[in-house]
Amino acid sequence: MYDGGDYLVLVTTDRQSAFDRVLVSIPFKGQVLNETSLWWFNKTQPITPNAIVSVPDKNVTIAKKCSVFPVEFIVRGYVTGSTDTSLWTLYKKVVRNYCGNILPDGMVKNQRLPANMLTPTTKAVVHDAPVTPDEIVQHGLMTQADYDEASRKALSLFEYGQEFLRLWFVGNCNPYEDEVLPDAPEDLISELAWRCAFM
């Protein structure tokens, strides 16, 4: 990342790192990540504006400098995961109020939530910490108006991402009433898997 005054120059490299060190260089990794991000920024422009100014190279994006809120907006659609901060791990530990969301008893792993759930965290130097909407405002991390706008947009972006597969089913059957649903085509599944792999 290079500081260009009012702009930032972001160069997406082919380096693959883990364990706090660079392990290997994977050809085209940077290009694929950059172009995937740009595809999403373009598709979601009607939901929220973004900072992209230009793309002078397949690995390079020039963006406007923005003020960043020290909050990460995580949207969840399922009770799943295996890390210490995953919803399923916490649910197994009988956490029923997570980031201001009340979870009912009796849910099982990988179960669809009744509605998409926003679970924000603070952006800390060492570890991000779960936080409720009230705490975000009380600690001055965001104003209530900023939080309300950001949470609406986070949920809208997540729902937009869910529409790739949902639109196919709506166009090919009645997913609410048909007892047996058709199989999604292999090319659609492959496309969605490819997008997920590089996000």
C-alpha atoms as a PDB file:
ATOM      1  CA  MET A   1       0.000   0.000   0.000  1.00  0.00           C
ATOM      2  CA  TYR A   2       1.417   3.383  -1.024  1.00  0.00           C
ATOM      3  CA  ASP A   3       0.228   6.787   0.208  1.00  0.00           C
ATOM      4  CA  GLY A   4      -0.499   9.166  -2.645  1.00  0.00           C
ATOM      5  CA  GLY A   5      -1.872  12.095  -0.645  1.00  0.00           C
ATOM      6  CA  ASP A   6      -5.637  12.010  -1.146  1.00  0.00           C
ATOM      7  CA  TYR A   7      -5.362   8.517  -2.622  1.00  0.00           C
ATOM      8  CA  LEU A   8      -3.962   5.122  -1.736  1.00  0.00           C
ATOM      9  CA  VAL A   9      -2.295   2.840  -4.275  1.00  0.00           C
ATOM     10  CA  LEU A  10      -3.059  -0.784  -3.393  1.00  0.00           C
ATOM     11  CA  VAL A  11      -0.899  -3.433  -5.036  1.00  0.00           C
ATOM     12  CA  THR A  12      -2.236  -6.960  -4.648  1.00  0.00           C
ATOM     13  CA  THR A  13       0.745  -9.304  -4.744  1.00  0.00           C
ATOM     14  CA  ASP A  14       1.090 -12.995  -5.474  1.00  0.00           C
ATOM     15  CA  ARG A  15       2.625 -13.643  -2.050  1.00  0.00           C
ATOM     16  CA  GLN A  16       0.902 -16.199   0.170  1.00  0.00           C
ATOM     17  CA  SER A  17       1.596 -15.772   3.861  1.00  0.00           C
ATOM     18  CA  ALA A  18       0.786 -17.698   7.018  1.00  0.00           C
ATOM     19  CA  PHE A  19       2.372 -18.041  10.441  1.00  0.00           C
ATOM     20  CA  ASP A  20       3.391 -14.351  10.203  1.00  0.00           C
ATOM     21  CA  ARG A  21       5.717 -15.027   7.253  1.00  0.00           C
ATOM     22  CA  VAL A  22       5.621 -15.270   3.470  1.00  0.00           C
ATOM     23  CA  LEU A  23       5.499 -18.925   2.425  1.00  0.00           C
ATOM     24  CA  VAL A  24       5.331 -18.882  -1.364  1.00  0.00           C
ATOM     25  CA  SER A  25       4.393 -16.834  -4.423  1.00  0.00           C
ATOM     26  CA  ILE A  26       1.346 -18.110  -6.313  1.00  0.00           C
ATOM     27  CA  PRO A  27       1.191 -16.891  -9.935  1.00  0.00           C
ATOM     28  CA  PHE A  28      -1.895 -14.738 -10.702  1.00  0.00           C
ATOM     29  CA  LYS A  29      -3.114 -14.769  -7.076  1.00  0.00           C
ATOM     30  CA  GLY A  30      -2.910 -10.972  -6.809  1.00  0.00           C
ATOM     31  CA  GLN A  31      -4.632 -10.416 -10.130  1.00  0.00           C
ATOM     32  CA  VAL A  32      -7.477 -12.803  -9.288  1.00  0.00           C
ATOM     33  CA  LEU A  33      -8.024 -11.240  -5.837  1.00  0.00           C
ATOM     34  CA  ASN A  34      -7.914  -7.699  -7.226  1.00  0.00           C
ATOM     35  CA  GLU A  35     -10.255  -8.435 -10.130  1.00  0.00           C
ATOM     36  CA  THR A  36     -12.673 -10.341  -7.871  1.00  0.00           C
ATOM     37  CA  SER A  37     -12.802  -7.382  -5.479  1.00  0.00           C
ATOM     38  CA  LEU A  38     -13.368  -4.981  -8.372  1.00  0.00           C
ATOM     39  CA  TRP A  39     -16.172  -7.184  -9.737  1.00  0.00           C
ATOM     40  CA  TRP A  40     -17.935  -7.033  -6.359  1.00  0.00           C
ATOM     41  CA  PHE A  41     -17.357  -3.287  -5.965  1.00  0.00           C
ATOM     42  CA  ASN A  42     -18.895  -2.749  -9.402  1.00  0.00           C
ATOM     43  CA  LYS A  43     -21.886  -5.016  -8.748  1.00  0.00           C
ATOM     44  CA  THR A  44     -22.639  -3.476  -5.330  1.00  0.00           C
ATOM     45  CA  GLN A  45     -22.321   0.160  -6.408  1.00  0.00           C
ATOM     46  CA  PRO A  46     -26.144   0.589  -6.302  1.00  0.00           C
ATOM     47  CA  ILE A  47     -26.154  -0.512  -2.636  1.00  0.00           C
ATOM     48  CA  THR A  48     -23.299   1.682  -1.424  1.00  0.00           C
ATOM     49  CA  PRO A  49     -20.653   3.885  -3.016  1.00  0.00           C
ATOM     50  CA  ASN A  50     -17.035   2.782  -2.755  1.00  0.00           C
ATOM     51  CA  ALA A  51     -13.581   4.334  -2.818  1.00  0.00           C
ATOM     52  CA  ILE A  52     -12.347   2.987  -6.182  1.00  0.00           C
ATOM     53  CA  VAL A  53     -10.868   5.699  -8.435  1.00  0.00           C
ATOM     54  CA  SER A  54      -9.053   3.693 -11.132  1.00  0.00           C
ATOM     55  CA  VAL A  55      -7.366   0.402 -11.980  1.00  0.00           C
ATOM     56  CA  PRO A  56      -4.131   1.111 -13.882  1.00  0.00           C
ATOM     57  CA  ASP A  57      -3.000  -2.541 -13.765  1.00  0.00           C
ATOM     58  CA  LYS A  58      -4.599  -5.926 -13.086  1.00  0.00           C
ATOM     59  CA  ASN A  59      -2.839  -6.020  -9.699  1.00  0.00           C
ATOM     60  CA  VAL A  60      -3.270  -2.343  -8.810  1.00  0.00           C
ATOM     61  CA  THR A  61      -6.213  -0.320  -7.515  1.00  0.00           C
ATOM     62  CA  ILE A  62      -6.158   3.390  -6.750  1.00  0.00           C
ATOM     63  CA  ALA A  63      -8.689   4.375  -4.098  1.00  0.00           C
ATOM     64  CA  LYS A  64      -9.753   7.495  -2.235  1.00  0.00           C
ATOM     65  CA  LYS A  65      -8.585   7.762   1.338  1.00  0.00           C
ATOM     66  CA  CYS A  66     -11.454   7.176   3.727  1.00  0.00           C
ATOM     67  CA  SER A  67     -12.002   7.480   7.443  1.00  0.00           C
ATOM     68  CA  VAL A  68     -12.345   3.994   8.882  1.00  0.00           C
ATOM     69  CA  PHE A  69     -14.580   3.083  11.798  1.00  0.00           C
ATOM     70  CA  PRO A  70     -12.828   0.718  14.253  1.00  0.00           C
ATOM     71  CA  VAL A  71     -15.666  -1.792  13.860  1.00  0.00           C
ATOM     72  CA  GLU A  72     -15.941  -4.852  11.630  1.00  0.00           C
ATOM     73  CA  PHE A  73     -19.437  -5.759  10.454  1.00  0.00           C
ATOM     74  CA  ILE A  74     -19.813  -9.547  10.252  1.00  0.00           C
ATOM     75  CA  VAL A  75     -23.065 -10.918   8.876  1.00  0.00           C
ATOM     76  CA  ARG A  76     -24.012 -14.540   9.515  1.00  0.00           C
ATOM     77  CA  GLY A  77     -26.680 -16.639   7.843  1.00  0.00           C
ATOM     78  CA  TYR A  78     -26.060 -19.958   9.607  1.00  0.00           C
ATOM     79  CA  VAL A  79     -25.135 -21.354  13.011  1.00  0.00           C
ATOM     80  CA  THR A  80     -21.819 -22.808  11.906  1.00  0.00           C
ATOM     81  CA  GLY A  81     -18.038 -22.644  12.190  1.00  0.00           C
ATOM     82  CA  SER A  82     -15.248 -24.232  14.190  1.00  0.00           C
ATOM     83  CA  THR A  83     -13.055 -21.366  15.461  1.00  0.00           C
ATOM     84  CA  ASP A  84     -13.248 -19.905  18.965  1.00  0.00           C
ATOM     85  CA  THR A  85     -15.307 -16.978  17.651  1.00  0.00           C
ATOM     86  CA  SER A  86     -17.630 -18.967  15.380  1.00  0.00           C
ATOM     87  CA  LEU A  87     -21.329 -18.856  16.115  1.00  0.00           C
ATOM     88  CA  TRP A  88     -21.568 -22.653  16.501  1.00  0.00           C
ATOM     89  CA  THR A  89     -18.665 -22.803  18.979  1.00  0.00           C
ATOM     90  CA  LEU A  90     -20.232 -20.080  21.103  1.00  0.00           C
ATOM     91  CA  TYR A  91     -23.700 -21.600  20.816  1.00  0.00           C
ATOM     92  CA  LYS A  92     -22.356 -24.951  22.087  1.00  0.00           C
ATOM     93  CA  LYS A  93     -21.014 -23.046  25.107  1.00  0.00           C
ATOM     94  CA  VAL A  94     -24.628 -21.928  25.771  1.00  0.00           C
ATOM     95  CA  VAL A  95     -24.129 -18.359  24.601  1.00  0.00           C
ATOM     96  CA  ARG A  96     -27.661 -17.216  23.747  1.00  0.00           C
ATOM     97  CA  ASN A  97     -27.115 -13.457  23.528  1.00  0.00           C
ATOM     98  CA  TYR A  98     -24.371 -12.695  21.026  1.00  0.00           C
ATOM     99  CA  CYS A  99     -23.613  -9.130  19.958  1.00  0.00           C
ATOM    100  CA  GLY A 100     -27.149  -8.138  20.949  1.00  0.00           C
ATOM    101  CA  ASN A 101     -28.800 -11.031  19.058  1.00  0.00           C
ATOM    102  CA  ILE A 102     -30.949 -13.485  21.029  1.00  0.00           C
ATOM    103  CA  LEU A 103     -30.541 -17.103  19.904  1.00  0.00           C
ATOM    104  CA  PRO A 104     -33.197 -19.715  20.729  1.00  0.00           C
ATOM    105  CA  ASP A 105     -32.394 -23.054  22.365  1.00  0.00           C
ATOM    106  CA  GLY A 106     -32.446 -26.206  20.269  1.00  0.00           C
ATOM    107  CA  MET A 107     -30.510 -25.072  17.205  1.00  0.00           C
ATOM    108  CA  VAL A 108     -28.124 -27.496  15.481  1.00  0.00           C
ATOM    109  CA  LYS A 109     -24.865 -27.031  13.608  1.00  0.00           C
ATOM    110  CA  ASN A 110     -25.223 -25.577  10.090  1.00  0.00           C
ATOM    111  CA  GLN A 111     -28.853 -24.609  10.719  1.00  0.00           C
ATOM    112  CA  ARG A 112     -30.099 -21.579   8.826  1.00  0.00           C
ATOM    113  CA  LEU A 113     -30.771 -18.638  11.129  1.00  0.00           C
ATOM    114  CA  PRO A 114     -34.351 -17.295  11.119  1.00  0.00           C
ATOM    115  CA  ALA A 115     -32.895 -14.054   9.707  1.00  0.00           C
ATOM    116  CA  ASN A 116     -29.411 -12.909   8.757  1.00  0.00           C
ATOM    117  CA  MET A 117     -27.589 -11.750  11.873  1.00  0.00           C
ATOM    118  CA  LEU A 118     -25.129  -8.895  12.324  1.00  0.00           C
ATOM    119  CA  THR A 119     -22.344  -9.692  14.808  1.00  0.00           C
ATOM    120  CA  PRO A 120     -19.958  -6.713  14.922  1.00  0.00           C
ATOM    121  CA  THR A 121     -16.496  -6.788  16.467  1.00  0.00           C
ATOM    122  CA  THR A 122     -14.064  -4.102  17.512  1.00  0.00           C
ATOM    123  CA  LYS A 123     -10.934  -3.788  15.377  1.00  0.00           C
ATOM    124  CA  ALA A 124      -8.143  -4.221  17.905  1.00  0.00           C
ATOM    125  CA  VAL A 125      -4.371  -4.477  17.553  1.00  0.00           C
ATOM    126  CA  VAL A 126      -4.202  -7.952  19.078  1.00  0.00           C
ATOM    127  CA  HIS A 127      -7.652  -9.595  18.990  1.00  0.00           C
ATOM    128  CA  ASP A 128     -11.007  -8.394  17.704  1.00  0.00           C
ATOM    129  CA  ALA A 129     -13.711  -8.523  20.365  1.00  0.00           C
ATOM    130  CA  PRO A 130     -17.467  -9.067  19.904  1.00  0.00           C
ATOM    131  CA  VAL A 131     -19.470  -5.939  20.678  1.00  0.00           C
ATOM    132  CA  THR A 132     -23.164  -4.993  20.822  1.00  0.00           C
ATOM    133  CA  PRO A 133     -24.645  -2.102  18.870  1.00  0.00           C
ATOM    134  CA  ASP A 134     -25.262  -0.239  22.152  1.00  0.00           C
ATOM    135  CA  GLU A 135     -21.617  -0.663  23.172  1.00  0.00           C
ATOM    136  CA  ILE A 136     -20.428   0.650  19.792  1.00  0.00           C
ATOM    137  CA  VAL A 137     -22.338   3.880  20.339  1.00  0.00           C
ATOM    138  CA  GLN A 138     -21.628   4.139  24.094  1.00  0.00           C
ATOM    139  CA  HIS A 139     -17.863   3.790  23.540  1.00  0.00           C
ATOM    140  CA  GLY A 140     -17.905   6.412  20.781  1.00  0.00           C
ATOM    141  CA  LEU A 141     -16.782   4.013  18.050  1.00  0.00           C
ATOM    142  CA  MET A 142     -19.642   5.244  15.832  1.00  0.00           C
ATOM    143  CA  THR A 143     -22.625   7.542  16.165  1.00  0.00           C
ATOM    144  CA  GLN A 144     -26.042   5.901  16.218  1.00  0.00           C
ATOM    145  CA  ALA A 145     -26.777   7.301  12.752  1.00  0.00           C
ATOM    146  CA  ASP A 146     -23.498   5.935  11.340  1.00  0.00           C
ATOM    147  CA  TYR A 147     -24.107   2.546  12.954  1.00  0.00           C
ATOM    148  CA  ASP A 148     -27.665   2.372  11.598  1.00  0.00           C
ATOM    149  CA  GLU A 149     -26.518   3.190   8.060  1.00  0.00           C
ATOM    150  CA  ALA A 150     -23.540   0.807   8.136  1.00  0.00           C
ATOM    151  CA  SER A 151     -25.601  -2.070   9.558  1.00  0.00           C
ATOM    152  CA  ARG A 152     -28.318  -1.603   6.901  1.00  0.00           C
ATOM    153  CA  LYS A 153     -25.699  -1.637   4.159  1.00  0.00           C
ATOM    154  CA  ALA A 154     -23.850  -4.655   5.605  1.00  0.00           C
ATOM    155  CA  LEU A 155     -27.081  -6.675   5.671  1.00  0.00           C
ATOM    156  CA  SER A 156     -28.008  -5.520   2.145  1.00  0.00           C
ATOM    157  CA  LEU A 157     -24.586  -6.487   0.778  1.00  0.00           C
ATOM    158  CA  PHE A 158     -24.801  -9.920   2.407  1.00  0.00           C
ATOM    159  CA  GLU A 159     -28.300 -10.487   1.023  1.00  0.00           C
ATOM    160  CA  TYR A 160     -27.113  -9.435  -2.430  1.00  0.00           C
ATOM    161  CA  GLY A 161     -24.333 -12.022  -2.250  1.00  0.00           C
ATOM    162  CA  GLN A 162     -26.888 -14.710  -1.341  1.00  0.00           C
ATOM    163  CA  GLU A 163     -28.969 -13.947  -4.478  1.00  0.00           C
ATOM    164  CA  PHE A 164     -26.756 -15.730  -7.002  1.00  0.00           C
ATOM    165  CA  LEU A 165     -28.064 -19.184  -6.036  1.00  0.00           C
ATOM    166  CA  ARG A 166     -31.490 -18.012  -4.796  1.00  0.00           C
ATOM    167  CA  LEU A 167     -32.344 -16.334  -8.118  1.00  0.00           C
ATOM    168  CA  TRP A 168     -31.729 -19.564 -10.022  1.00  0.00           C
ATOM    169  CA  PHE A 169     -34.127 -21.511  -7.799  1.00  0.00           C
ATOM    170  CA  VAL A 170     -36.819 -18.805  -7.963  1.00  0.00           C
ATOM    171  CA  GLY A 171     -36.523 -18.867 -11.764  1.00  0.00           C
ATOM    172  CA  ASN A 172     -36.691 -22.662 -12.018  1.00  0.00           C
ATOM    173  CA  CYS A 173     -39.232 -23.754  -9.406  1.00  0.00           C
ATOM    174  CA  ASN A 174     -41.341 -22.600  -6.486  1.00  0.00           C
ATOM    175  CA  PRO A 175     -38.835 -23.106  -3.642  1.00  0.00           C
ATOM    176  CA  TYR A 176     -41.439 -22.359  -0.982  1.00  0.00           C
ATOM    177  CA  GLU A 177     -44.062 -24.846  -2.157  1.00  0.00           C
ATOM    178  CA  ASP A 178     -42.442 -27.505  -4.376  1.00  0.00           C
ATOM    179  CA  GLU A 179     -41.820 -30.626  -2.326  1.00  0.00           C
ATOM    180  CA  VAL A 180     -38.807 -31.665  -4.433  1.00  0.00           C
ATOM    181  CA  LEU A 181     -36.420 -28.978  -5.689  1.00  0.00           C
ATOM    182  CA  PRO A 182     -34.412 -29.378  -8.916  1.00  0.00           C
ATOM    183  CA  ASP A 183     -30.651 -29.830  -8.746  1.00  0.00           C
ATOM    184  CA  ALA A 184     -28.732 -26.603  -9.358  1.00  0.00           C
ATOM    185  CA  PRO A 185     -26.673 -26.840 -12.566  1.00  0.00           C
ATOM    186  CA  GLU A 186     -23.016 -27.825 -12.236  1.00  0.00           C
ATOM    187  CA  ASP A 187     -21.814 -24.660 -13.992  1.00  0.00           C
ATOM    188  CA  LEU A 188     -23.623 -22.472 -11.429  1.00  0.00           C
ATOM    189  CA  ILE A 189     -22.173 -24.461  -8.541  1.00  0.00           C
ATOM    190  CA  SER A 190     -18.695 -24.272 -10.080  1.00  0.00           C
ATOM    191  CA  GLU A 191     -18.997 -20.511 -10.583  1.00  0.00           C
ATOM    192  CA  LEU A 192     -20.098 -19.956  -6.978  1.00  0.00           C
ATOM    193  CA  ALA A 193     -17.307 -22.209  -5.688  1.00  0.00           C
ATOM    194  CA  TRP A 194     -14.762 -20.311  -7.779  1.00  0.00           C
ATOM    195  CA  ARG A 195     -15.960 -16.970  -6.404  1.00  0.00           C
ATOM    196  CA  CYS A 196     -15.865 -18.239  -2.825  1.00  0.00           C
ATOM    197  CA  ALA A 197     -12.388 -19.717  -3.237  1.00  0.00           C
ATOM    198  CA  PHE A 198     -10.896 -16.387  -4.208  1.00  0.00           C
ATOM    199  CA  MET A 199     -12.716 -14.129  -1.776  1.00  0.00           C
END
